[in-house]
Each structure stands twice: as structure tokens, then as C-alpha cells.
Amino acid sequence: MTASEAAAVIGVSVATIRGWADQGRLPSHRTVGGHRRFEVDELKRWLTERGAALPEPRRLARRPRDVPACPELARWLNSRASAITDRVLAGYDEQVPVPVPAPTEAGLGRGVLRFLRVIAVALDSGSAASIVGRAGLAGVRGGAQGPIGAAVIAEHTRYAAAVLTEAERGLQRGEVTEPHALAALHAVIDRIQVAMVAGYLGALPSGGARPTAEVGAGSREPVAE
């Protein structure tokens, strides 16, 4: 469970949940992406030990997996952030015009890290649905800027291509051995891209222009922090 889900179950604020976890008062774990998670069974025991009534079963339901969990691949990709950034950078060439101006190296590095963090959460948990909301929000932010905001979709397409290439390299080298790793990664990226496009189109001003072949530079929001 996420911190917000655990907070809803216990009936306290998210800040309180995080504080208890930091103090060791409430058992918690970290995913390979650095996100705090709470095990359902541990949360049940914690409540029982304190004489608290257990919430309705549906509130303690585990999040269903919609892709095979691939923590090994998640760790590999996180360790290859620099190589993935280099792959994205190599895709830009001053002699080849593109509709979206190349970001700065520092900005691109931050974008890749955020993109990897979101992917790692889905792969580690086996829940691609868990990151759809974040991807959709990135699309909404782009759509709010009008056609220029389509740049966020173009950039994430480049991130996705580099991530897939690096994942294939890990499989070829035997660094990743999970049997469904590549298919799971494709499924996660599909969810991200579809949610982003849907969010973008839904946020465009009513009657506003749709994306054209050329979009200029602008402030762009990556998938999620």
C-alpha cells in the first residue's frame, strides 16, 4: 500500500504516516525506486496489537497486478540512468531538424530519472495501473499549454526508445533474467504513453488547435516526480 492508502485505512494524515514510518513506529519498506510502501499483513498486525478495529476488508485489499512483477529489470534500469541519458542525447543532431528543440543536458538527465522512477514503480510492484494517473497528469499539464505542450509526448517517446534499448542490452548480457521482462516493460510504457496522450487531448482548450507537425520550445513537465 502507498502512504496515502495506509493513511486512509488508519484514519490519519499522510504526514503522520510518514512520520511514524521514519521513526520506526510503523513498519514500512522502500521499493527499488525509493518509494515507501506498507505491507497489508503487517498493517493488520500493527492495528491488532494496538487494539484497533480492522477496517473493512475491501479497504485492505492488495492492489492487483496487471503485468508480471520484474524487480530485477527495475533495478537494472535504475542503475543505467546515465547510459540511457546518453542514448537520448545521441539521438539529437544539429544537422537533423526536429519539431521539438533538444533540451539541455541537465534537463534531459532530470527527465530521464523521473521517467525511470515511474517505470520502476510499475515494474517492481507489477501494477502498471498504479502510474497511469501520474502519466495522465503530465499530459494534462502539456495540454494546458496548447499545441506547444505536445513536446512532452515527443520527449517521452525518446525516453521510452532509449529505455527499451537498454533493457534489451541487459537481457542479452544476462543482467536481467526475468522471462516476461521485455513484454512487461512494453506494457508499462504503453500505459504511460496512452495516458499522456489522453490527458493532453482532454486538456486542450475547447476548440483549440490540435498538435501540428511543428511545435516550439516551451516549459514541459515530465511524467512524475
Protein backbone atom coordinates (compact mmCIF):
# COMPACT_ATOMS: atom_id res chain seq x y z
CA MET A 1 0.00 0.00 0.00
CA THR A 2 1.13 3.58 -0.59
CA ALA A 3 1.42 6.09 2.25
CA SER A 4 -1.86 7.72 1.23
CA GLU A 5 -3.65 4.36 1.15
CA ALA A 6 -2.29 3.42 4.58
CA ALA A 7 -3.31 6.83 5.93
CA ALA A 8 -6.86 6.33 4.64
CA VAL A 9 -7.07 2.91 6.29
CA ILE A 10 -5.79 4.06 9.70
CA GLY A 11 -7.59 7.39 9.60
CA VAL A 12 -4.65 9.77 9.98
CA SER A 13 -2.86 12.18 7.66
CA VAL A 14 -0.22 11.14 5.16
CA ALA A 15 2.29 13.29 7.04
CA THR A 16 1.57 11.32 10.23
CA ILE A 17 2.03 8.02 8.42
CA ARG A 18 5.38 9.14 7.03
CA GLY A 19 6.47 10.43 10.41
CA TRP A 20 5.63 7.15 12.14
CA ALA A 21 7.45 5.22 9.42
CA ASP A 22 10.54 7.44 9.70
CA GLN A 23 10.55 6.94 13.48
CA GLY A 24 10.22 3.17 13.11
CA ARG A 25 6.83 3.14 14.83
CA LEU A 26 5.06 1.80 11.75
CA PRO A 27 6.68 -0.93 9.61
CA SER A 28 7.37 0.14 6.05
CA HIS A 29 9.55 -0.76 3.09
CA ARG A 30 11.18 1.02 0.17
CA THR A 31 10.82 -0.03 -3.46
CA VAL A 32 13.82 -0.05 -5.78
CA GLY A 33 12.56 3.32 -6.99
CA GLY A 34 12.78 4.72 -3.44
CA HIS A 35 9.04 4.86 -2.78
CA ARG A 36 7.66 3.97 0.66
CA ARG A 37 5.25 1.03 0.77
CA PHE A 38 3.29 -0.73 3.53
CA GLU A 39 2.54 -4.45 3.58
CA VAL A 40 -1.13 -5.27 4.16
CA ASP A 41 -0.43 -8.13 6.59
CA GLU A 42 1.99 -6.01 8.64
CA LEU A 43 -0.53 -3.20 8.79
CA LYS A 44 -3.20 -5.63 10.03
CA ARG A 45 -0.89 -6.91 12.78
CA TRP A 46 0.06 -3.36 13.74
CA LEU A 47 -3.58 -2.38 14.16
CA THR A 48 -4.45 -5.58 16.07
CA GLU A 49 -1.55 -5.14 18.51
CA ARG A 50 -2.91 -1.72 19.40
CA GLY A 51 -6.45 -2.92 19.90
CA ALA A 52 -7.74 -1.05 16.88
CA ALA A 53 -10.60 -2.45 14.84
CA LEU A 54 -9.62 -3.65 11.40
CA PRO A 55 -11.16 -1.66 8.55
CA GLU A 56 -13.49 -3.25 6.06
CA PRO A 57 -11.69 -5.95 4.04
CA ARG A 58 -12.08 -4.04 0.77
CA ARG A 59 -10.03 -1.17 2.23
CA LEU A 60 -7.13 -3.56 2.89
CA ALA A 61 -7.26 -5.25 -0.49
CA ARG A 62 -3.96 -5.69 -2.27
CA ARG A 63 -3.51 -3.76 -5.48
CA PRO A 64 -3.95 -6.31 -8.30
CA ARG A 65 -1.05 -6.97 -10.60
CA ASP A 66 -1.71 -6.26 -14.26
CA VAL A 67 1.83 -7.04 -15.50
CA PRO A 68 4.39 -9.57 -14.24
CA ALA A 69 6.43 -8.04 -11.43
CA CYS A 70 10.01 -7.52 -12.66
CA PRO A 71 12.09 -6.07 -9.79
CA GLU A 72 15.30 -7.28 -11.42
CA LEU A 73 14.61 -5.22 -14.54
CA ALA A 74 13.60 -2.23 -12.39
CA ARG A 75 16.97 -2.35 -10.60
CA TRP A 76 18.88 -2.74 -13.87
CA LEU A 77 17.21 0.25 -15.48
CA ASN A 78 17.74 2.43 -12.41
CA SER A 79 21.44 1.56 -12.47
CA ARG A 80 21.66 2.52 -16.16
CA ALA A 81 20.24 6.05 -15.90
CA SER A 82 23.43 7.66 -17.18
CA ALA A 83 23.68 5.31 -20.17
CA ILE A 84 20.02 5.89 -21.02
CA THR A 85 20.53 9.66 -20.86
CA ASP A 86 23.50 9.33 -23.22
CA ARG A 87 21.34 7.34 -25.65
CA VAL A 88 18.71 10.06 -25.70
CA LEU A 89 21.34 12.76 -26.20
CA ALA A 90 22.88 10.81 -29.08
CA GLY A 91 19.53 10.93 -30.86
CA TYR A 92 19.85 14.69 -31.40
CA ASP A 93 21.94 16.02 -34.27
CA GLU A 94 22.29 19.69 -35.18
CA GLN A 95 22.15 18.71 -38.85
CA VAL A 96 18.79 16.96 -38.45
CA PRO A 97 15.83 19.31 -37.81
CA VAL A 98 13.25 18.14 -35.28
CA PRO A 99 9.86 19.60 -34.30
CA VAL A 100 10.89 19.77 -30.63
CA PRO A 101 14.12 21.60 -29.77
CA ALA A 102 16.61 19.48 -27.86
CA PRO A 103 16.51 20.01 -24.08
CA THR A 104 19.61 20.92 -22.13
CA GLU A 105 21.75 18.01 -20.97
CA ALA A 106 20.89 18.72 -17.32
CA GLY A 107 17.18 18.98 -18.06
CA LEU A 108 17.22 15.80 -20.07
CA GLY A 109 19.00 13.96 -17.27
CA ARG A 110 16.35 15.01 -14.78
CA GLY A 111 13.59 13.99 -17.17
CA VAL A 112 15.10 10.55 -17.71
CA LEU A 113 15.45 10.00 -13.96
CA ARG A 114 11.80 10.87 -13.35
CA PHE A 115 10.71 8.65 -16.23
CA LEU A 116 12.76 5.74 -14.85
CA ARG A 117 11.37 6.27 -11.36
CA VAL A 118 7.81 5.88 -12.60
CA ILE A 119 8.65 2.82 -14.70
CA ALA A 120 10.49 1.22 -11.77
CA VAL A 121 7.45 1.59 -9.51
CA ALA A 122 5.26 -0.24 -12.02
CA LEU A 123 7.80 -3.00 -12.74
CA ASP A 124 8.66 -3.54 -9.09
CA SER A 125 5.01 -3.81 -8.00
CA GLY A 126 3.60 -5.44 -11.13
CA SER A 127 0.99 -2.69 -11.31
CA ALA A 128 1.11 -0.57 -14.46
CA ALA A 129 -2.27 0.88 -13.50
CA SER A 130 -0.63 2.48 -10.45
CA ILE A 131 1.26 5.00 -12.60
CA VAL A 132 -1.46 5.87 -15.11
CA GLY A 133 -2.67 8.83 -13.06
CA ARG A 134 0.79 10.41 -12.99
CA ALA A 135 1.23 9.96 -16.72
CA GLY A 136 -2.20 11.42 -17.40
CA LEU A 137 -1.39 14.43 -15.24
CA ALA A 138 1.78 15.09 -17.28
CA GLY A 139 -0.37 15.06 -20.41
CA VAL A 140 -2.89 17.42 -18.83
CA ARG A 141 -0.11 19.88 -17.98
CA GLY A 142 1.06 19.75 -21.59
CA GLY A 143 -2.46 20.18 -22.95
CA ALA A 144 -2.99 23.22 -20.78
CA GLN A 145 -0.18 24.89 -22.75
CA GLY A 146 -1.88 24.21 -26.08
CA PRO A 147 -0.09 22.69 -29.11
CA ILE A 148 3.31 23.64 -27.73
CA GLY A 149 2.71 21.21 -24.87
CA ALA A 150 2.88 18.25 -27.26
CA ALA A 151 6.64 18.46 -26.73
CA VAL A 152 6.24 16.40 -23.55
CA ILE A 153 4.92 13.46 -25.60
CA ALA A 154 7.78 13.72 -28.10
CA GLU A 155 10.38 13.78 -25.35
CA HIS A 156 8.93 10.79 -23.54
CA THR A 157 8.87 8.83 -26.78
CA ARG A 158 12.63 9.34 -26.95
CA TYR A 159 12.99 8.30 -23.31
CA ALA A 160 10.97 5.15 -23.98
CA ALA A 161 13.08 4.17 -27.01
CA ALA A 162 16.30 4.55 -25.01
CA VAL A 163 14.91 2.60 -22.05
CA LEU A 164 13.79 -0.27 -24.27
CA THR A 165 17.18 -0.43 -25.96
CA GLU A 166 18.97 -0.53 -22.62
CA ALA A 167 16.58 -3.22 -21.33
CA GLU A 168 17.34 -5.38 -24.36
CA ARG A 169 21.05 -4.94 -23.64
CA GLY A 170 20.52 -6.11 -20.06
CA LEU A 171 18.71 -9.21 -21.27
CA GLN A 172 21.41 -10.02 -23.82
CA ARG A 173 24.13 -9.70 -21.18
CA GLY A 174 22.25 -11.86 -18.71
CA GLU A 175 21.90 -8.98 -16.22
CA VAL A 176 18.12 -9.43 -16.41
CA THR A 177 16.74 -12.98 -16.42
CA GLU A 178 13.03 -12.49 -15.75
CA PRO A 179 11.15 -14.32 -18.53
CA HIS A 180 8.50 -11.66 -19.20
CA ALA A 181 10.66 -8.60 -18.54
CA LEU A 182 10.63 -7.05 -22.01
CA ALA A 183 6.92 -7.64 -22.56
CA ALA A 184 6.15 -6.16 -19.14
CA LEU A 185 8.26 -3.09 -19.93
CA HIS A 186 6.47 -2.59 -23.24
CA ALA A 187 3.11 -2.84 -21.44
CA VAL A 188 4.15 -0.26 -18.83
CA ILE A 189 5.41 2.17 -21.48
CA ASP A 190 2.21 1.68 -23.49
CA ARG A 191 0.17 2.65 -20.42
CA ILE A 192 2.27 5.75 -19.89
CA GLN A 193 2.06 6.92 -23.50
CA VAL A 194 -1.67 6.27 -23.86
CA ALA A 195 -2.45 8.04 -20.58
CA MET A 196 -0.29 11.01 -21.53
CA VAL A 197 -1.90 11.45 -24.94
CA ALA A 198 -5.39 11.11 -23.43
CA GLY A 199 -4.56 13.67 -20.76
CA TYR A 200 -3.06 16.04 -23.32
CA LEU A 201 -6.02 15.91 -25.71
CA GLY A 202 -8.52 16.20 -22.88
CA ALA A 203 -6.83 19.34 -21.53
CA LEU A 204 -6.55 21.25 -24.80
CA PRO A 205 -8.71 24.39 -24.74
CA SER A 206 -12.13 23.74 -26.25
CA GLY A 207 -11.96 24.45 -29.94
CA GLY A 208 -8.21 24.98 -29.71
CA ALA A 209 -5.77 23.79 -32.32
CA ARG A 210 -4.56 20.22 -32.15
CA PRO A 211 -0.83 19.39 -32.40
CA THR A 212 0.79 20.18 -35.73
CA ALA A 213 3.97 18.91 -37.32
CA GLU A 214 5.93 21.70 -35.69
CA VAL A 215 5.88 22.69 -32.04
CA GLY A 216 8.18 25.17 -30.46
CA ALA A 217 10.17 25.03 -27.30
CA GLY A 218 8.32 25.56 -24.08
CA SER A 219 8.08 24.60 -20.45
CA ARG A 220 7.44 20.89 -20.30
CA GLU A 221 6.52 18.66 -17.42
CA PRO A 222 7.92 15.11 -17.32
CA VAL A 223 5.80 12.18 -16.24
CA ALA A 224 6.15 12.37 -12.47
CA GLU A 225 8.43 13.08 -9.62
